All heavy atoms as atom14 arrays in JSON, in Angstrom:
{
  "sequence": "PHIGNLQIAAIQADDVQKMLNTLKAEGKFYSTIKKAYDAVNECFRT",
  "atom14_mask": [
    [1, 1, 1, 1, 1, 1, 1, 0, 0, 0, 0, 0, 0, 0],
    [1, 1, 1, 1, 1, 1, 1, 1, 1, 1, 0, 0, 0, 0],
    [1, 1, 1, 1, 1, 1, 1, 1, 0, 0, 0, 0, 0, 0],
    [1, 1, 1, 1, 0, 0, 0, 0, 0, 0, 0, 0, 0, 0],
    [1, 1, 1, 1, 1, 1, 1, 1, 0, 0, 0, 0, 0, 0],
    [1, 1, 1, 1, 1, 1, 1, 1, 0, 0, 0, 0, 0, 0],
    [1, 1, 1, 1, 1, 1, 1, 1, 1, 0, 0, 0, 0, 0],
    [1, 1, 1, 1, 1, 1, 1, 1, 0, 0, 0, 0, 0, 0],
    [1, 1, 1, 1, 1, 0, 0, 0, 0, 0, 0, 0, 0, 0],
    [1, 1, 1, 1, 1, 0, 0, 0, 0, 0, 0, 0, 0, 0],
    [1, 1, 1, 1, 1, 1, 1, 1, 0, 0, 0, 0, 0, 0],
    [1, 1, 1, 1, 1, 1, 1, 1, 1, 0, 0, 0, 0, 0],
    [1, 1, 1, 1, 1, 0, 0, 0, 0, 0, 0, 0, 0, 0],
    [1, 1, 1, 1, 1, 1, 1, 1, 0, 0, 0, 0, 0, 0],
    [1, 1, 1, 1, 1, 1, 1, 1, 0, 0, 0, 0, 0, 0],
    [1, 1, 1, 1, 1, 1, 1, 0, 0, 0, 0, 0, 0, 0],
    [1, 1, 1, 1, 1, 1, 1, 1, 1, 0, 0, 0, 0, 0],
    [1, 1, 1, 1, 1, 1, 1, 1, 1, 0, 0, 0, 0, 0],
    [1, 1, 1, 1, 1, 1, 1, 1, 0, 0, 0, 0, 0, 0],
    [1, 1, 1, 1, 1, 1, 1, 1, 0, 0, 0, 0, 0, 0],
    [1, 1, 1, 1, 1, 1, 1, 1, 0, 0, 0, 0, 0, 0],
    [1, 1, 1, 1, 1, 1, 1, 0, 0, 0, 0, 0, 0, 0],
    [1, 1, 1, 1, 1, 1, 1, 1, 0, 0, 0, 0, 0, 0],
    [1, 1, 1, 1, 1, 1, 1, 1, 1, 0, 0, 0, 0, 0],
    [1, 1, 1, 1, 1, 0, 0, 0, 0, 0, 0, 0, 0, 0],
    [1, 1, 1, 1, 1, 1, 1, 1, 1, 0, 0, 0, 0, 0],
    [1, 1, 1, 1, 0, 0, 0, 0, 0, 0, 0, 0, 0, 0],
    [1, 1, 1, 1, 1, 1, 1, 1, 1, 0, 0, 0, 0, 0],
    [1, 1, 1, 1, 1, 1, 1, 1, 1, 1, 1, 0, 0, 0],
    [1, 1, 1, 1, 1, 1, 1, 1, 1, 1, 1, 1, 0, 0],
    [1, 1, 1, 1, 1, 1, 0, 0, 0, 0, 0, 0, 0, 0],
    [1, 1, 1, 1, 1, 1, 1, 0, 0, 0, 0, 0, 0, 0],
    [1, 1, 1, 1, 1, 1, 1, 1, 0, 0, 0, 0, 0, 0],
    [1, 1, 1, 1, 1, 1, 1, 1, 1, 0, 0, 0, 0, 0],
    [1, 1, 1, 1, 1, 1, 1, 1, 1, 0, 0, 0, 0, 0],
    [1, 1, 1, 1, 1, 0, 0, 0, 0, 0, 0, 0, 0, 0],
    [1, 1, 1, 1, 1, 1, 1, 1, 1, 1, 1, 1, 0, 0],
    [1, 1, 1, 1, 1, 1, 1, 1, 0, 0, 0, 0, 0, 0],
    [1, 1, 1, 1, 1, 0, 0, 0, 0, 0, 0, 0, 0, 0],
    [1, 1, 1, 1, 1, 1, 1, 0, 0, 0, 0, 0, 0, 0],
    [1, 1, 1, 1, 1, 1, 1, 1, 0, 0, 0, 0, 0, 0],
    [1, 1, 1, 1, 1, 1, 1, 1, 1, 0, 0, 0, 0, 0],
    [1, 1, 1, 1, 1, 1, 0, 0, 0, 0, 0, 0, 0, 0],
    [1, 1, 1, 1, 1, 1, 1, 1, 1, 1, 1, 0, 0, 0],
    [1, 1, 1, 1, 1, 1, 1, 1, 1, 1, 1, 0, 0, 0],
    [1, 1, 1, 1, 1, 1, 1, 0, 0, 0, 0, 0, 0, 0]
  ],
  "atom14_positions": [
    [[62.0, 97.63, 138.06], [61.13, 97.63, 136.88], [60.75, 96.23, 136.39], [59.74, 96.06, 135.72], [61.96, 98.36, 135.82], [62.9, 99.21, 136.6], [63.22, 98.42, 137.83], [0.0, 0.0, 0.0], [0.0, 0.0, 0.0], [0.0, 0.0, 0.0], [0.0, 0.0, 0.0], [0.0, 0.0, 0.0], [0.0, 0.0, 0.0], [0.0, 0.0, 0.0]],
    [[61.54, 95.22, 136.74], [61.3, 93.88, 136.22], [60.63, 92.93, 137.23], [59.8, 92.13, 136.85], [62.6, 93.27, 135.71], [63.19, 94.08, 134.59], [62.69, 94.02, 133.31], [64.19, 94.98, 134.57], [63.38, 94.85, 132.54], [64.29, 95.45, 133.28], [0.0, 0.0, 0.0], [0.0, 0.0, 0.0], [0.0, 0.0, 0.0], [0.0, 0.0, 0.0]],
    [[61.04, 93.01, 138.5], [60.45, 92.1, 139.49], [59.96, 92.83, 140.74], [59.54, 92.19, 141.69], [61.43, 90.96, 139.88], [62.71, 91.52, 140.5], [61.71, 90.06, 138.71], [63.65, 90.45, 141.05], [0.0, 0.0, 0.0], [0.0, 0.0, 0.0], [0.0, 0.0, 0.0], [0.0, 0.0, 0.0], [0.0, 0.0, 0.0], [0.0, 0.0, 0.0]],
    [[59.99, 94.15, 140.71], [59.58, 94.93, 141.87], [58.11, 94.87, 142.2], [57.7, 95.18, 143.31], [0.0, 0.0, 0.0], [0.0, 0.0, 0.0], [0.0, 0.0, 0.0], [0.0, 0.0, 0.0], [0.0, 0.0, 0.0], [0.0, 0.0, 0.0], [0.0, 0.0, 0.0], [0.0, 0.0, 0.0], [0.0, 0.0, 0.0], [0.0, 0.0, 0.0]],
    [[57.3, 94.45, 141.24], [55.86, 94.37, 141.48], [55.45, 93.03, 142.12], [54.31, 92.84, 142.48], [55.09, 94.56, 140.17], [55.42, 93.49, 139.15], [56.55, 93.01, 139.09], [54.45, 93.13, 138.34], [0.0, 0.0, 0.0], [0.0, 0.0, 0.0], [0.0, 0.0, 0.0], [0.0, 0.0, 0.0], [0.0, 0.0, 0.0], [0.0, 0.0, 0.0]],
    [[56.4, 92.12, 142.26], [56.12, 90.79, 142.81], [56.39, 90.74, 144.3], [57.34, 91.39, 144.78], [56.97, 89.72, 142.11], [56.84, 89.62, 140.59], [57.89, 88.68, 140.03], [55.44, 89.15, 140.23], [0.0, 0.0, 0.0], [0.0, 0.0, 0.0], [0.0, 0.0, 0.0], [0.0, 0.0, 0.0], [0.0, 0.0, 0.0], [0.0, 0.0, 0.0]],
    [[55.61, 89.97, 145.03], [55.9, 89.72, 146.44], [57.21, 88.94, 146.51], [57.45, 88.07, 145.69], [54.77, 88.91, 147.09], [53.48, 89.66, 147.24], [53.57, 90.73, 148.31], [54.36, 90.63, 149.25], [52.76, 91.76, 148.17], [0.0, 0.0, 0.0], [0.0, 0.0, 0.0], [0.0, 0.0, 0.0], [0.0, 0.0, 0.0], [0.0, 0.0, 0.0]],
    [[58.03, 89.23, 147.47], [59.35, 88.6, 147.57], [59.23, 87.07, 147.62], [60.01, 86.36, 147.0], [60.16, 89.17, 148.76], [61.65, 88.84, 148.62], [59.65, 88.69, 150.08], [62.4, 89.85, 147.84], [0.0, 0.0, 0.0], [0.0, 0.0, 0.0], [0.0, 0.0, 0.0], [0.0, 0.0, 0.0], [0.0, 0.0, 0.0], [0.0, 0.0, 0.0]],
    [[58.25, 86.57, 148.33], [58.08, 85.11, 148.45], [57.57, 84.49, 147.16], [57.7, 83.28, 146.96], [57.13, 84.79, 149.6], [0.0, 0.0, 0.0], [0.0, 0.0, 0.0], [0.0, 0.0, 0.0], [0.0, 0.0, 0.0], [0.0, 0.0, 0.0], [0.0, 0.0, 0.0], [0.0, 0.0, 0.0], [0.0, 0.0, 0.0], [0.0, 0.0, 0.0]],
    [[57.02, 85.29, 146.26], [56.47, 84.77, 145.01], [57.48, 84.76, 143.87], [57.22, 84.19, 142.82], [55.24, 85.58, 144.61], [0.0, 0.0, 0.0], [0.0, 0.0, 0.0], [0.0, 0.0, 0.0], [0.0, 0.0, 0.0], [0.0, 0.0, 0.0], [0.0, 0.0, 0.0], [0.0, 0.0, 0.0], [0.0, 0.0, 0.0], [0.0, 0.0, 0.0]],
    [[58.63, 85.38, 144.06], [59.63, 85.46, 142.99], [60.23, 84.08, 142.75], [60.69, 83.41, 143.68], [60.72, 86.49, 143.33], [60.1, 87.89, 143.41], [61.84, 86.46, 142.28], [61.05, 88.98, 143.86], [0.0, 0.0, 0.0], [0.0, 0.0, 0.0], [0.0, 0.0, 0.0], [0.0, 0.0, 0.0], [0.0, 0.0, 0.0], [0.0, 0.0, 0.0]],
    [[60.21, 83.67, 141.49], [60.73, 82.37, 141.07], [61.98, 82.57, 140.22], [62.25, 83.67, 139.74], [59.67, 81.63, 140.24], [58.37, 81.37, 140.98], [58.57, 80.37, 142.11], [59.22, 79.35, 141.94], [58.02, 80.68, 143.27], [0.0, 0.0, 0.0], [0.0, 0.0, 0.0], [0.0, 0.0, 0.0], [0.0, 0.0, 0.0], [0.0, 0.0, 0.0]],
    [[62.72, 81.49, 140.02], [63.92, 81.53, 139.18], [63.59, 82.05, 137.78], [64.37, 82.81, 137.19], [64.57, 80.16, 139.12], [0.0, 0.0, 0.0], [0.0, 0.0, 0.0], [0.0, 0.0, 0.0], [0.0, 0.0, 0.0], [0.0, 0.0, 0.0], [0.0, 0.0, 0.0], [0.0, 0.0, 0.0], [0.0, 0.0, 0.0], [0.0, 0.0, 0.0]],
    [[62.42, 81.68, 137.26], [62.02, 82.15, 135.93], [61.88, 83.67, 135.88], [62.18, 84.29, 134.86], [60.71, 81.49, 135.49], [60.88, 80.02, 135.12], [62.03, 79.59, 134.89], [59.86, 79.31, 135.07], [0.0, 0.0, 0.0], [0.0, 0.0, 0.0], [0.0, 0.0, 0.0], [0.0, 0.0, 0.0], [0.0, 0.0, 0.0], [0.0, 0.0, 0.0]],
    [[61.41, 84.27, 136.97], [61.28, 85.73, 137.03], [62.65, 86.4, 136.97], [62.84, 87.4, 136.27], [60.55, 86.15, 138.3], [59.14, 85.58, 138.39], [58.42, 85.61, 137.38], [58.79, 85.11, 139.5], [0.0, 0.0, 0.0], [0.0, 0.0, 0.0], [0.0, 0.0, 0.0], [0.0, 0.0, 0.0], [0.0, 0.0, 0.0], [0.0, 0.0, 0.0]],
    [[63.58, 85.86, 137.73], [64.95, 86.41, 137.74], [65.6, 86.2, 136.38], [66.26, 87.1, 135.85], [65.79, 85.77, 138.87], [67.21, 86.33, 138.87], [65.13, 86.01, 140.23], [0.0, 0.0, 0.0], [0.0, 0.0, 0.0], [0.0, 0.0, 0.0], [0.0, 0.0, 0.0], [0.0, 0.0, 0.0], [0.0, 0.0, 0.0], [0.0, 0.0, 0.0]],
    [[65.4, 85.03, 135.78], [65.97, 84.74, 134.46], [65.41, 85.7, 133.42], [66.15, 86.24, 132.59], [65.67, 83.3, 134.04], [66.39, 82.88, 132.76], [67.88, 82.76, 132.97], [68.34, 81.92, 133.74], [68.66, 83.59, 132.29], [0.0, 0.0, 0.0], [0.0, 0.0, 0.0], [0.0, 0.0, 0.0], [0.0, 0.0, 0.0], [0.0, 0.0, 0.0]],
    [[64.1, 85.94, 133.47], [63.47, 86.87, 132.53], [64.04, 88.27, 132.7], [64.28, 88.98, 131.72], [61.96, 86.87, 132.73], [61.22, 87.73, 131.74], [59.72, 87.67, 131.96], [59.01, 88.6, 130.99], [57.59, 88.71, 131.28], [0.0, 0.0, 0.0], [0.0, 0.0, 0.0], [0.0, 0.0, 0.0], [0.0, 0.0, 0.0], [0.0, 0.0, 0.0]],
    [[64.28, 88.68, 133.95], [64.86, 89.99, 134.21], [66.24, 90.1, 133.55], [66.53, 91.06, 132.84], [65.0, 90.24, 135.72], [65.7, 91.54, 136.08], [66.08, 91.71, 137.84], [67.5, 90.63, 138.0], [0.0, 0.0, 0.0], [0.0, 0.0, 0.0], [0.0, 0.0, 0.0], [0.0, 0.0, 0.0], [0.0, 0.0, 0.0], [0.0, 0.0, 0.0]],
    [[67.08, 89.1, 133.75], [68.43, 89.11, 133.18], [68.38, 89.11, 131.66], [69.11, 89.86, 130.99], [69.24, 87.91, 133.68], [69.47, 87.83, 135.19], [70.24, 86.56, 135.53], [70.17, 89.06, 135.72], [0.0, 0.0, 0.0], [0.0, 0.0, 0.0], [0.0, 0.0, 0.0], [0.0, 0.0, 0.0], [0.0, 0.0, 0.0], [0.0, 0.0, 0.0]],
    [[67.51, 88.28, 131.09], [67.39, 88.2, 129.63], [66.9, 89.52, 129.04], [67.37, 89.96, 127.99], [66.45, 87.07, 129.23], [67.01, 85.7, 129.59], [68.18, 85.54, 129.91], [66.15, 84.7, 129.55], [0.0, 0.0, 0.0], [0.0, 0.0, 0.0], [0.0, 0.0, 0.0], [0.0, 0.0, 0.0], [0.0, 0.0, 0.0], [0.0, 0.0, 0.0]],
    [[65.95, 90.15, 129.72], [65.41, 91.43, 129.25], [66.48, 92.52, 129.32], [66.61, 93.31, 128.39], [64.17, 91.83, 130.08], [63.2, 90.79, 129.98], [63.58, 93.14, 129.58], [0.0, 0.0, 0.0], [0.0, 0.0, 0.0], [0.0, 0.0, 0.0], [0.0, 0.0, 0.0], [0.0, 0.0, 0.0], [0.0, 0.0, 0.0], [0.0, 0.0, 0.0]],
    [[67.23, 92.55, 130.41], [68.3, 93.55, 130.53], [69.32, 93.38, 129.41], [69.78, 94.37, 128.82], [68.98, 93.44, 131.89], [68.15, 93.89, 133.1], [68.86, 93.52, 134.4], [67.87, 95.38, 133.04], [0.0, 0.0, 0.0], [0.0, 0.0, 0.0], [0.0, 0.0, 0.0], [0.0, 0.0, 0.0], [0.0, 0.0, 0.0], [0.0, 0.0, 0.0]],
    [[69.65, 92.13, 129.09], [70.6, 91.88, 128.0], [69.99, 92.31, 126.66], [70.67, 92.95, 125.85], [71.0, 90.41, 127.95], [72.11, 90.16, 126.93], [72.63, 88.76, 126.98], [73.78, 88.63, 125.97], [74.23, 87.26, 125.83], [0.0, 0.0, 0.0], [0.0, 0.0, 0.0], [0.0, 0.0, 0.0], [0.0, 0.0, 0.0], [0.0, 0.0, 0.0]],
    [[68.72, 92.0, 126.43], [68.04, 92.38, 125.19], [67.94, 93.9, 125.05], [67.93, 94.43, 123.93], [66.65, 91.75, 125.13], [0.0, 0.0, 0.0], [0.0, 0.0, 0.0], [0.0, 0.0, 0.0], [0.0, 0.0, 0.0], [0.0, 0.0, 0.0], [0.0, 0.0, 0.0], [0.0, 0.0, 0.0], [0.0, 0.0, 0.0], [0.0, 0.0, 0.0]],
    [[67.88, 94.6, 126.17], [67.83, 96.07, 126.16], [69.18, 96.68, 125.85], [69.31, 97.89, 125.73], [67.33, 96.6, 127.51], [65.87, 96.33, 127.78], [65.45, 96.7, 129.2], [66.34, 97.03, 130.04], [64.24, 96.68, 129.48], [0.0, 0.0, 0.0], [0.0, 0.0, 0.0], [0.0, 0.0, 0.0], [0.0, 0.0, 0.0], [0.0, 0.0, 0.0]],
    [[70.22, 95.84, 125.76], [71.55, 96.34, 125.44], [72.37, 96.79, 126.63], [73.36, 97.5, 126.48], [0.0, 0.0, 0.0], [0.0, 0.0, 0.0], [0.0, 0.0, 0.0], [0.0, 0.0, 0.0], [0.0, 0.0, 0.0], [0.0, 0.0, 0.0], [0.0, 0.0, 0.0], [0.0, 0.0, 0.0], [0.0, 0.0, 0.0], [0.0, 0.0, 0.0]],
    [[71.99, 96.36, 127.82], [72.75, 96.72, 129.02], [74.11, 96.02, 128.99], [74.27, 94.95, 128.41], [72.01, 96.31, 130.29], [70.64, 96.92, 130.44], [70.71, 98.4, 130.65], [69.35, 98.95, 131.02], [69.0, 100.13, 130.34], [0.0, 0.0, 0.0], [0.0, 0.0, 0.0], [0.0, 0.0, 0.0], [0.0, 0.0, 0.0], [0.0, 0.0, 0.0]],
    [[75.08, 96.63, 129.61], [76.42, 96.05, 129.71], [76.42, 94.86, 130.65], [75.57, 94.74, 131.54], [77.42, 97.1, 130.23], [77.78, 98.15, 129.23], [77.21, 99.41, 129.3], [78.67, 97.89, 128.21], [77.54, 100.39, 128.39], [79.01, 98.86, 127.29], [78.45, 100.11, 127.37], [0.0, 0.0, 0.0], [0.0, 0.0, 0.0], [0.0, 0.0, 0.0]],
    [[77.41, 94.0, 130.48], [77.57, 92.83, 131.33], [77.61, 93.23, 132.8], [76.94, 92.63, 133.65], [78.84, 92.06, 130.96], [79.22, 91.03, 132.0], [78.56, 89.81, 132.07], [80.24, 91.29, 132.92], [78.89, 88.87, 133.03], [80.58, 90.35, 133.88], [79.9, 89.15, 133.93], [80.22, 88.23, 134.89], [0.0, 0.0, 0.0], [0.0, 0.0, 0.0]],
    [[78.39, 94.26, 133.12], [78.55, 94.67, 134.52], [77.23, 95.12, 135.13], [76.96, 94.87, 136.31], [79.6, 95.77, 134.65], [79.22, 96.91, 133.91], [0.0, 0.0, 0.0], [0.0, 0.0, 0.0], [0.0, 0.0, 0.0], [0.0, 0.0, 0.0], [0.0, 0.0, 0.0], [0.0, 0.0, 0.0], [0.0, 0.0, 0.0], [0.0, 0.0, 0.0]],
    [[76.38, 95.76, 134.35], [75.07, 96.21, 134.83], [74.2, 95.01, 135.17], [73.54, 94.97, 136.22], [74.39, 97.08, 133.76], [75.23, 98.2, 133.5], [73.01, 97.55, 134.21], [0.0, 0.0, 0.0], [0.0, 0.0, 0.0], [0.0, 0.0, 0.0], [0.0, 0.0, 0.0], [0.0, 0.0, 0.0], [0.0, 0.0, 0.0], [0.0, 0.0, 0.0]],
    [[74.19, 94.02, 134.28], [73.38, 92.82, 134.49], [73.9, 92.03, 135.69], [73.13, 91.56, 136.52], [73.37, 91.96, 133.21], [72.67, 92.74, 132.09], [72.69, 90.61, 133.45], [72.81, 92.13, 130.72], [0.0, 0.0, 0.0], [0.0, 0.0, 0.0], [0.0, 0.0, 0.0], [0.0, 0.0, 0.0], [0.0, 0.0, 0.0], [0.0, 0.0, 0.0]],
    [[75.2, 91.92, 135.81], [75.81, 91.19, 136.92], [75.48, 91.86, 138.25], [75.18, 91.19, 139.25], [77.33, 91.1, 136.72], [78.07, 90.35, 137.79], [77.91, 88.85, 137.62], [78.88, 88.06, 138.46], [78.49, 87.93, 139.85], [0.0, 0.0, 0.0], [0.0, 0.0, 0.0], [0.0, 0.0, 0.0], [0.0, 0.0, 0.0], [0.0, 0.0, 0.0]],
    [[75.5, 93.19, 138.29], [75.15, 93.9, 139.53], [73.7, 93.68, 139.91], [73.38, 93.54, 141.09], [75.44, 95.4, 139.38], [76.92, 95.71, 139.42], [77.19, 97.17, 139.12], [78.68, 97.39, 138.99], [79.02, 98.61, 138.29], [0.0, 0.0, 0.0], [0.0, 0.0, 0.0], [0.0, 0.0, 0.0], [0.0, 0.0, 0.0], [0.0, 0.0, 0.0]],
    [[72.81, 93.63, 138.92], [71.4, 93.37, 139.21], [71.23, 91.97, 139.76], [70.52, 91.75, 140.75], [70.56, 93.56, 137.94], [0.0, 0.0, 0.0], [0.0, 0.0, 0.0], [0.0, 0.0, 0.0], [0.0, 0.0, 0.0], [0.0, 0.0, 0.0], [0.0, 0.0, 0.0], [0.0, 0.0, 0.0], [0.0, 0.0, 0.0], [0.0, 0.0, 0.0]],
    [[71.9, 91.0, 139.14], [71.84, 89.62, 139.63], [72.4, 89.53, 141.06], [71.8, 88.91, 141.93], [72.62, 88.67, 138.71], [72.8, 87.32, 139.32], [71.77, 86.38, 139.31], [74.0, 86.98, 139.96], [71.93, 85.14, 139.9], [74.16, 85.75, 140.55], [73.13, 84.83, 140.52], [73.27, 83.62, 141.13], [0.0, 0.0, 0.0], [0.0, 0.0, 0.0]],
    [[73.54, 90.15, 141.28], [74.18, 90.11, 142.6], [73.27, 90.7, 143.67], [73.22, 90.19, 144.8], [75.52, 90.84, 142.59], [76.6, 90.09, 141.81], [76.42, 88.89, 141.52], [77.62, 90.73, 141.47], [0.0, 0.0, 0.0], [0.0, 0.0, 0.0], [0.0, 0.0, 0.0], [0.0, 0.0, 0.0], [0.0, 0.0, 0.0], [0.0, 0.0, 0.0]],
    [[72.56, 91.79, 143.34], [71.65, 92.41, 144.31], [70.52, 91.46, 144.68], [70.21, 91.28, 145.86], [71.09, 93.72, 143.74], [0.0, 0.0, 0.0], [0.0, 0.0, 0.0], [0.0, 0.0, 0.0], [0.0, 0.0, 0.0], [0.0, 0.0, 0.0], [0.0, 0.0, 0.0], [0.0, 0.0, 0.0], [0.0, 0.0, 0.0], [0.0, 0.0, 0.0]],
    [[69.91, 90.83, 143.68], [68.82, 89.89, 143.94], [69.33, 88.69, 144.73], [68.73, 88.26, 145.72], [68.16, 89.43, 142.62], [67.16, 88.31, 142.86], [67.48, 90.62, 141.94], [0.0, 0.0, 0.0], [0.0, 0.0, 0.0], [0.0, 0.0, 0.0], [0.0, 0.0, 0.0], [0.0, 0.0, 0.0], [0.0, 0.0, 0.0], [0.0, 0.0, 0.0]],
    [[70.47, 88.16, 144.31], [71.05, 87.0, 144.99], [71.36, 87.3, 146.45], [71.03, 86.52, 147.35], [72.32, 86.56, 144.25], [72.92, 85.3, 144.82], [72.23, 84.41, 145.31], [74.24, 85.21, 144.75], [0.0, 0.0, 0.0], [0.0, 0.0, 0.0], [0.0, 0.0, 0.0], [0.0, 0.0, 0.0], [0.0, 0.0, 0.0], [0.0, 0.0, 0.0]],
    [[71.95, 88.45, 146.7], [72.31, 88.8, 148.07], [71.08, 89.06, 148.94], [71.05, 88.71, 150.11], [73.24, 90.01, 148.1], [73.83, 90.24, 149.46], [74.92, 91.28, 149.46], [75.43, 91.66, 148.4], [75.27, 91.71, 150.57], [0.0, 0.0, 0.0], [0.0, 0.0, 0.0], [0.0, 0.0, 0.0], [0.0, 0.0, 0.0], [0.0, 0.0, 0.0]],
    [[70.06, 89.67, 148.35], [68.82, 89.89, 149.08], [68.23, 88.56, 149.55], [67.86, 88.4, 150.71], [67.83, 90.64, 148.2], [66.2, 90.85, 148.94], [0.0, 0.0, 0.0], [0.0, 0.0, 0.0], [0.0, 0.0, 0.0], [0.0, 0.0, 0.0], [0.0, 0.0, 0.0], [0.0, 0.0, 0.0], [0.0, 0.0, 0.0], [0.0, 0.0, 0.0]],
    [[68.15, 87.59, 148.66], [67.58, 86.29, 149.02], [68.51, 85.5, 149.94], [68.05, 84.79, 150.83], [67.25, 85.48, 147.76], [65.92, 85.85, 147.19], [65.83, 86.75, 146.14], [64.75, 85.33, 147.71], [64.6, 87.11, 145.62], [63.51, 85.67, 147.2], [63.44, 86.58, 146.15], [0.0, 0.0, 0.0], [0.0, 0.0, 0.0], [0.0, 0.0, 0.0]],
    [[69.81, 85.65, 149.75], [70.76, 84.96, 150.64], [70.59, 85.47, 152.07], [70.54, 84.69, 153.02], [72.19, 85.19, 150.14], [73.21, 84.27, 150.76], [74.55, 84.34, 150.06], [75.04, 85.69, 149.8], [75.69, 86.43, 150.69], [75.92, 85.98, 151.9], [76.1, 87.64, 150.37], [0.0, 0.0, 0.0], [0.0, 0.0, 0.0], [0.0, 0.0, 0.0]],
    [[70.45, 86.77, 152.21], [70.21, 87.36, 153.53], [68.88, 86.87, 154.09], [68.77, 86.54, 155.28], [70.23, 88.9, 153.45], [71.48, 89.32, 152.92], [70.0, 89.52, 154.82], [0.0, 0.0, 0.0], [0.0, 0.0, 0.0], [0.0, 0.0, 0.0], [0.0, 0.0, 0.0], [0.0, 0.0, 0.0], [0.0, 0.0, 0.0], [0.0, 0.0, 0.0]]
  ]
}
């Protein structure tokens, strides 16, 4: 919902930061936000 509309090569750190900030503002738990970050990080690491 936050960065899925972007081409993978076009995703910037600001996009990921905005996703994390929005999830926190929506009241998501720490573990939920961390899992989202870990998924993005692992995708790009691969």
